[in-house]
Protein backbone atom coordinates (compact mmCIF):
# COMPACT_ATOMS: atom_id res chain seq x y z
CA MET A 1 60.93 82.98 95.70
CA ALA A 2 57.23 83.81 95.56
CA THR A 3 54.79 80.95 95.01
CA LEU A 4 51.45 82.29 93.82
CA THR A 5 48.20 80.34 93.64
CA TYR A 6 45.80 82.32 91.46
CA LEU A 7 44.26 80.43 88.54
CA THR A 8 47.25 78.10 88.79
CA THR A 9 50.46 77.77 90.81
CA THR A 10 53.24 80.07 89.65
CA HIS A 11 56.84 79.71 90.79
CA PHE A 12 58.43 83.11 90.27
CA ASP A 13 62.00 84.32 90.72
CA PHE A 14 65.50 84.13 89.34
CA GLY A 15 66.47 80.46 89.32
CA ALA A 16 62.87 79.20 89.46
CA ILE A 17 63.61 76.85 86.55
CA ARG A 18 65.37 74.52 89.01
CA ILE A 19 61.98 73.45 90.36
CA LEU A 20 60.99 71.88 87.02
CA PRO A 21 62.03 68.27 87.88
CA LYS A 22 59.94 68.33 91.06
CA GLU A 23 56.91 69.63 89.16
CA LEU A 24 57.28 66.96 86.47
CA GLU A 25 57.34 64.33 89.22
CA ARG A 26 54.39 65.88 91.07
CA LEU A 27 52.26 65.91 87.92
CA GLY A 28 53.26 62.38 86.94
CA ILE A 29 54.83 63.50 83.67
CA HIS A 30 57.47 60.95 82.72
CA ARG A 31 57.86 61.74 79.03
CA PRO A 32 57.06 65.35 78.18
CA LEU A 33 57.04 66.92 74.75
CA ILE A 34 58.80 70.28 74.73
CA ALA A 35 57.04 72.76 72.45
CA THR A 36 59.36 75.64 71.58
CA ASP A 37 60.82 77.52 68.63
CA ARG A 38 64.16 77.82 66.87
CA GLY A 39 64.92 81.21 68.39
CA VAL A 40 64.69 79.77 71.90
CA ARG A 41 66.98 76.92 70.85
CA ALA A 42 69.47 79.29 69.20
CA ALA A 43 69.57 81.50 72.29
CA GLY A 44 70.63 78.52 74.41
CA LEU A 45 67.50 78.64 76.55
CA LEU A 46 66.38 75.17 75.53
CA ASP A 47 69.74 73.81 76.70
CA THR A 48 69.31 75.66 80.00
CA VAL A 49 65.97 73.96 80.61
CA LEU A 50 67.17 70.55 79.47
CA GLY A 51 70.11 70.94 81.83
CA VAL A 52 67.89 70.74 84.91
CA ILE A 53 65.95 67.62 83.80
CA PRO A 54 67.53 64.21 84.52
CA GLY A 55 67.69 62.04 81.39
CA ALA A 56 66.78 64.96 79.16
CA SER A 57 68.58 63.56 76.11
CA THR A 58 65.58 61.39 75.24
CA ILE A 59 62.94 64.13 75.49
CA PRO A 60 61.21 64.80 72.13
CA ILE A 61 61.39 68.45 71.07
CA PHE A 62 59.19 70.32 68.62
CA ASP A 63 61.00 73.57 67.76
CA ASP A 64 59.14 74.56 64.60
CA THR A 65 56.55 76.85 66.22
CA PRO A 66 55.80 79.78 63.89
CA GLY A 67 55.54 83.38 65.11
CA ASN A 68 51.75 83.12 64.92
CA PRO A 69 51.08 79.46 65.79
CA THR A 70 49.08 77.56 63.21
CA GLU A 71 46.78 74.58 63.21
CA ALA A 72 49.20 72.79 60.86
CA ALA A 73 52.09 73.28 63.31
CA ALA A 74 49.93 72.10 66.22
CA LEU A 75 49.03 68.93 64.33
CA ALA A 76 52.69 68.29 63.47
CA ALA A 77 53.63 68.69 67.13
CA PHE A 78 50.78 66.41 68.16
CA ASP A 79 52.05 63.73 65.78
CA LEU A 80 55.43 63.94 67.53
CA TYR A 81 53.67 63.73 70.91
CA ARG A 82 51.79 60.57 69.91
CA SER A 83 54.69 58.85 68.18
CA ASN A 84 56.81 59.28 71.29
CA GLU A 85 54.03 58.22 73.67
CA CYS A 86 54.29 61.47 75.62
CA ASP A 87 52.19 62.12 78.73
CA GLY A 88 52.50 65.88 79.13
CA VAL A 89 53.74 69.10 77.55
CA ILE A 90 56.33 71.70 78.46
CA GLY A 91 55.60 74.96 76.64
CA LEU A 92 58.89 76.86 76.48
CA GLY A 93 59.15 80.26 74.83
CA GLY A 94 56.93 83.21 74.10
CA GLY A 95 53.19 83.07 73.75
CA SER A 96 53.38 81.22 70.44
CA SER A 97 55.21 78.21 71.85
CA MET A 98 53.09 78.07 75.00
CA ASP A 99 49.89 78.38 72.95
CA LEU A 100 50.99 75.63 70.59
CA GLY A 101 51.80 73.44 73.59
CA LYS A 102 48.29 74.01 74.93
CA ALA A 103 46.80 73.03 71.58
CA VAL A 104 48.77 69.78 71.64
CA ALA A 105 47.61 69.11 75.21
CA LEU A 106 43.98 69.65 74.16
CA LEU A 107 44.28 67.23 71.25
CA ALA A 108 46.06 64.71 73.48
CA GLY A 109 43.39 64.85 76.16
CA SER A 110 40.16 65.28 74.20
CA GLY A 111 41.03 64.03 70.72
CA SER A 112 39.34 64.87 67.42
CA SER A 113 40.40 68.07 65.65
CA LEU A 114 40.81 71.67 66.79
CA GLU A 115 37.78 72.66 64.73
CA ARG A 116 35.59 70.66 67.11
CA TYR A 117 36.52 73.13 69.87
CA ASP A 118 35.85 76.25 67.78
CA PRO A 119 34.94 78.91 70.39
CA LEU A 120 32.42 80.51 68.03
CA THR A 121 30.34 77.31 68.00
CA GLY A 122 30.45 76.61 71.75
CA GLY A 123 33.49 74.39 71.44
CA ALA A 124 34.60 74.92 75.04
CA ARG A 125 31.73 72.69 76.18
CA ARG A 126 33.20 69.82 74.16
CA ILE A 127 36.55 69.86 75.97
CA ASP A 128 36.74 66.73 78.10
CA ARG A 129 40.25 66.70 79.49
CA VAL A 130 43.61 68.24 78.67
CA ALA A 131 47.04 66.66 79.06
CA PRO A 132 49.11 68.33 81.81
CA VAL A 133 51.01 71.43 80.75
CA ILE A 134 53.96 73.16 82.39
CA ALA A 135 54.47 76.63 80.92
CA ILE A 136 57.85 78.37 80.99
CA PRO A 137 57.89 81.85 79.44
CA THR A 138 61.08 83.27 77.92
CA THR A 139 59.56 86.66 77.09
CA SER A 140 57.51 89.09 79.16
CA GLY A 141 54.31 89.83 77.32
CA THR A 142 51.62 87.26 76.63
CA GLY A 143 51.07 85.77 80.07
CA SER A 144 50.04 82.54 78.38
CA GLU A 145 51.63 80.67 81.27
CA VAL A 146 48.61 81.49 83.45
CA SER A 147 45.90 82.27 80.89
CA VAL A 148 42.67 80.40 80.22
CA GLY A 149 43.24 79.89 76.52
CA PHE A 150 45.41 79.89 73.45
CA VAL A 151 45.33 81.49 70.01
CA ILE A 152 45.79 79.53 66.77
CA VAL A 153 45.58 80.46 63.09
CA MET A 154 43.31 77.82 61.57
CA LYS A 155 43.75 76.22 58.17
CA ASP A 156 40.81 78.29 56.86
CA GLY A 157 42.68 81.51 57.74
CA ARG A 158 40.76 82.43 60.90
CA LYS A 159 42.72 83.32 64.04
CA LEU A 160 40.75 81.84 66.93
CA THR A 161 41.00 82.16 70.69
CA PHE A 162 40.24 78.83 72.36
CA ALA A 163 39.26 79.52 75.97
CA SER A 164 38.40 77.24 78.86
CA PRO A 165 39.55 76.99 82.50
CA LYS A 166 40.79 73.53 81.54
CA MET A 167 43.42 75.20 79.33
CA ILE A 168 45.19 76.89 82.24
CA PRO A 169 48.62 75.25 82.64
CA CYS A 170 48.99 73.03 85.70
CA VAL A 171 51.98 75.08 86.76
CA ALA A 172 53.88 78.11 85.50
CA ILE A 173 57.60 78.58 86.05
CA CYS A 174 58.53 82.23 85.61
CA ASP A 175 62.28 82.71 85.72
CA PRO A 176 63.35 86.24 84.71
CA GLU A 177 66.85 84.82 84.16
CA LEU A 178 65.52 83.38 80.89
CA THR A 179 64.73 86.91 79.61
CA LEU A 180 68.12 88.49 80.29
CA GLY A 181 69.56 89.66 76.99
CA LEU A 182 66.25 89.49 75.11
CA PRO A 183 66.73 91.81 72.09
CA PRO A 184 65.44 95.40 72.54
CA ALA A 185 62.82 95.16 69.76
CA LEU A 186 61.32 91.99 71.19
CA THR A 187 61.50 93.38 74.72
CA ALA A 188 59.57 96.44 73.56
CA ALA A 189 56.92 94.53 71.63
CA THR A 190 56.26 91.92 74.30
CA GLY A 191 56.36 94.53 77.04
CA MET A 192 53.68 96.64 75.36
CA ASP A 193 51.66 93.45 74.93
CA ALA A 194 51.63 93.19 78.74
CA VAL A 195 50.65 96.87 79.03
CA THR A 196 47.77 96.29 76.61
CA HIS A 197 46.56 93.22 78.49
CA CYS A 198 46.39 95.19 81.72
CA ILE A 199 44.62 98.18 80.15
CA GLU A 200 42.06 96.16 78.21
CA ALA A 201 41.32 93.96 81.23
CA ILE A 202 40.78 97.03 83.41
CA LEU A 203 38.43 98.60 80.85
CA SER A 204 36.41 95.43 80.31
CA PRO A 205 32.93 95.92 81.85
CA VAL A 206 33.00 92.44 83.38
CA VAL A 207 32.88 92.77 87.17
CA ASN A 208 35.89 91.16 88.85
CA PRO A 209 37.55 93.54 91.36
CA PRO A 210 40.46 91.21 92.30
CA ALA A 211 41.41 90.72 88.64
CA GLU A 212 41.03 94.45 87.98
CA GLY A 213 43.28 95.26 90.92
CA ILE A 214 45.93 92.94 89.52
CA GLY A 215 45.60 94.77 86.20
CA TYR A 216 46.43 98.11 87.82
CA ASP A 217 49.47 96.63 89.55
CA GLY A 218 50.67 95.02 86.32
CA LEU A 219 50.23 98.30 84.44
CA ARG A 220 52.23 100.16 87.10
CA ARG A 221 55.10 97.68 86.88
CA ALA A 222 55.20 97.44 83.09
CA TRP A 223 54.91 101.18 82.39
CA ARG A 224 57.62 102.08 84.88
CA HIS A 225 60.13 99.43 83.85
CA ILE A 226 59.74 98.84 80.11
CA GLU A 227 62.14 101.59 79.00
CA ARG A 228 64.81 100.30 81.36
CA ALA A 229 64.37 96.74 80.13
CA VAL A 230 64.61 97.86 76.49
CA ARG A 231 67.66 100.01 77.18
CA ASP A 232 69.54 97.40 79.23
CA GLY A 233 68.72 93.74 78.67
CA GLY A 234 70.72 92.82 81.76
CA ASP A 235 68.77 95.04 84.18
CA ARG A 236 67.62 92.35 86.58
CA ASP A 237 65.16 94.52 88.48
CA ALA A 238 63.51 95.69 85.25
CA ARG A 239 63.36 92.12 83.90
CA TRP A 240 61.79 90.84 87.14
CA ASN A 241 59.11 93.52 87.07
CA MET A 242 58.37 93.08 83.37
CA MET A 243 57.89 89.34 83.81
CA MET A 244 55.62 89.94 86.81
CA ALA A 245 53.62 92.49 84.80
CA SER A 246 53.25 89.98 81.99
CA THR A 247 51.92 87.30 84.33
CA GLU A 248 49.62 89.81 86.03
CA GLY A 249 48.24 90.93 82.66
CA ALA A 250 46.96 87.43 81.98
CA MET A 251 45.68 87.07 85.53
CA ALA A 252 43.72 90.26 84.91
CA PHE A 253 42.27 89.37 81.54
CA VAL A 254 40.08 86.67 82.98
CA LYS A 255 37.75 89.73 82.77
CA GLY A 256 38.13 89.64 78.99
CA LEU A 257 39.88 91.97 76.57
CA GLY A 258 38.61 94.41 73.96
CA ALA A 259 38.88 95.91 70.49
CA VAL A 260 42.68 96.15 70.51
CA HIS A 261 42.87 92.38 70.61
CA SER A 262 40.04 91.71 68.17
CA MET A 263 41.81 93.99 65.67
CA SER A 264 45.29 92.59 66.30
CA HIS A 265 44.04 89.01 65.99
CA ALA A 266 42.46 89.89 62.65
CA ALA A 267 45.68 91.49 61.40
CA GLY A 268 47.93 88.78 62.83
CA ARG A 269 46.37 86.15 60.59
CA LEU A 270 47.32 87.95 57.34
CA PRO A 271 49.45 85.63 55.22
CA GLY A 272 52.84 86.92 54.20
CA LEU A 273 53.18 89.80 56.67
CA ARG A 274 53.98 87.69 59.78
CA LEU A 275 53.03 90.54 62.10
CA HIS A 276 54.02 90.34 65.77
CA HIS A 277 51.04 90.27 68.11
CA GLY A 278 52.56 92.51 70.77
CA THR A 279 53.63 95.12 68.23
CA LEU A 280 50.13 95.15 66.75
CA ASN A 281 48.65 95.67 70.21
CA ALA A 282 51.02 98.53 70.94
CA VAL A 283 50.25 100.26 67.64
CA ILE A 284 46.46 99.87 67.90
CA LEU A 285 46.20 100.75 71.61
CA PRO A 286 46.21 104.58 71.23
CA THR A 287 43.29 104.45 68.77
CA ILE A 288 41.21 102.36 71.16
CA LEU A 289 42.10 104.49 74.18
CA ARG A 290 40.69 107.48 72.29
CA PHE A 291 37.62 105.49 71.23
CA ASN A 292 36.88 104.31 74.79
CA ALA A 293 37.53 107.69 76.41
CA GLY A 294 34.50 108.78 78.42
CA THR A 295 33.20 105.25 79.05
CA ALA A 296 34.96 104.86 82.39
CA PRO A 297 36.47 108.16 83.61
CA GLU A 298 37.43 106.78 87.03
CA LYS A 299 39.34 103.91 85.42
CA TYR A 300 41.17 106.34 83.13
CA GLU A 301 42.19 108.40 86.16
CA ARG A 302 43.39 105.34 88.05
CA MET A 303 45.35 104.14 85.00
CA ALA A 304 46.98 107.55 84.68
CA GLU A 305 47.99 107.34 88.34
CA ALA A 306 49.43 103.84 87.86
CA MET A 307 51.42 105.12 84.88
CA GLY A 308 52.78 108.04 86.89
CA LEU A 309 50.93 110.59 84.74
CA PRO A 310 49.13 113.72 85.97
CA ALA A 311 45.36 113.68 86.42
CA GLY A 312 43.59 114.24 83.14
CA ALA A 313 46.58 113.11 81.07
CA ASP A 314 45.91 111.95 77.52
CA LEU A 315 46.62 108.21 77.80
CA ALA A 316 46.59 107.72 74.02
CA GLU A 317 49.28 110.37 73.56
CA ALA A 318 51.31 108.84 76.40
CA VAL A 319 51.23 105.43 74.70
CA LEU A 320 52.20 106.95 71.34
CA ALA A 321 55.17 108.66 72.97
CA ARG A 322 56.19 105.50 74.80
CA ASN A 323 55.98 103.44 71.59
CA ALA A 324 58.24 105.95 69.86
CA SER A 325 60.73 106.00 72.75
CA ILE A 326 61.19 102.21 72.61
CA GLY A 327 61.34 101.97 68.82
CA LEU A 328 57.89 100.66 67.90
CA PRO A 329 56.00 101.77 64.76
CA GLY A 330 53.66 104.75 64.80
CA GLY A 331 50.81 103.08 62.94
CA LEU A 332 49.59 100.00 61.10
CA ARG A 333 50.69 101.40 57.74
CA ALA A 334 54.29 101.24 58.90
CA MET A 335 53.74 97.51 59.49
CA GLY A 336 52.55 96.89 55.95
CA ILE A 337 48.77 97.13 56.41
CA THR A 338 46.94 99.18 53.76
CA GLU A 339 43.42 100.53 53.27
CA GLU A 340 42.76 97.77 50.75
CA MET A 341 43.18 95.12 53.47
CA ILE A 342 40.61 96.59 55.84
CA PRO A 343 37.48 94.98 54.27
CA ASP A 344 39.10 91.58 54.88
CA LEU A 345 40.10 92.44 58.46
CA VAL A 346 36.76 93.77 59.69
CA PRO A 347 34.65 90.55 59.72
CA HIS A 348 37.39 88.68 61.55
CA ALA A 349 37.59 91.41 64.19
CA VAL A 350 33.80 91.44 64.58
CA ALA A 351 33.74 87.68 65.18
CA ASP A 352 36.67 87.69 67.62
CA LEU A 353 35.84 86.82 71.24
CA SER A 354 37.57 89.96 72.49
CA SER A 355 34.93 92.15 70.85
CA ARG A 356 32.35 90.72 73.23
CA THR A 357 33.96 92.30 76.31
CA ALA A 358 34.82 95.68 74.81
CA PRO A 359 33.51 98.60 76.91
CA LYS A 360 31.85 100.10 73.81
CA THR A 361 30.02 98.21 71.08
CA VAL A 362 32.26 97.48 68.12
CA ASP A 363 30.29 96.45 65.03
CA ALA A 364 31.55 96.24 61.46
CA GLU A 365 31.12 99.94 60.75
CA VAL A 366 32.91 100.97 63.94
CA LEU A 367 35.77 98.55 63.39
CA ARG A 368 36.25 99.72 59.82
CA ASP A 369 36.68 103.28 61.09
CA LEU A 370 39.01 102.12 63.87
CA PHE A 371 41.27 100.28 61.42
CA HIS A 372 41.47 103.42 59.28
CA ALA A 373 42.27 105.51 62.35
CA ALA A 374 45.03 103.10 63.40
CA LEU A 375 46.80 103.28 60.04
C-alpha cells in the first residue's frame, strides 16, 4: 500500500479502508459525523465503512447530500453535527459528499455562515480553523479528498468555490475496492472529470513544475484506463489507475483550473436540470481545447504523448471521440441547456475563481461565444 504525503497524507490501495480506525484515533476524533448520500448507502458502501469502525452504531449520519451540494444541505448537516456534539467529519462518497463534509467542518471550526467565507470577497482570510476531516472517495473523478477547497451552491443561486489550504482533509483514504461495480455512466462522467482536472491544471499559467508533472501522469493513467473501467466495472487494474488519476488531478490543480470549470460551475447551479459536474466538464472540454490551442504548443504536444496520440493530434477531436465511445453527450444542448440560458450563465462564469487561472483571458464576450460553441 502506498502512503503519499503531498498536500495531505493519502493511504491508497485495495483494502485501505481498514486503516480508518487508526486515523480516527490519531486525529482525536471520537464522534465523527459521516457526510454521504443515499446512493452510497444504497450501494452498501456506507455499511462497508461502518463495519471497520468499533461502536459504529452510534455514529450520526447525514445522507441527504444533493448531486450539487447546497448551502441548505450543509446547514442541515451542521445542525446534526452540533446536536450530536461531533468532533470531526468523515466525507464518504463522490465530490458532493466530500465537499459538503468540508463545509460542515468549516462551520464547526470557524462558525458564522458560509457567506462570511465568500471567496469573491476575500473570505479565505477569515477562516480561523476547520474541524478535522477524513475523506473517503467512492468515485474516481473530483479528487476532493486531497483538494484545497469545496464547491457549494449558495442560497442566492451562486455556485462558489471556497479555497484555502486549511480545507485540505487531514487524511485521505483511497480504496479502489469502493469503486468496483460503479455504474458505467457514472464511471465515464467522473473519469472525464479527472481528465479535465489534469488538462486544465497543466494548461494553467501558474508555475508549479511538480504539480504539472503530476497532471501529466494523471492524464496518462486516466486516458489509458477509462474505457476499460467503463466497460468492466470489476477491472481492478483499471479501477486502481482511475482512482490514482483522480487523486493526481486534484494534486495538480493546486495550479488552478480554467474556463471549462468556470463554465461548468455556472451551468451546474441551474435549478431543475441537476447537471452532473463531471459530464459538464467532459462536454465543454473540447471547446476549450480548441480555444486554448496555440497558447502552449509544448504542453499540447506533451499531453498528446501522455494520451498515446501522435504528434500534432487534434486533442479536441480526441476528447469528442472518447466522450462518444463511453456514452457521454456530444454537447450542452443534449444536456438541456439552450441559447436562452446563456445570458444567465455568462456572469457566473466570469466571476468564477477558475477564470482567473485560464491560459487565455475569458471575459463576458468570450464566454458567451464559448457557451454557444459548446452547445
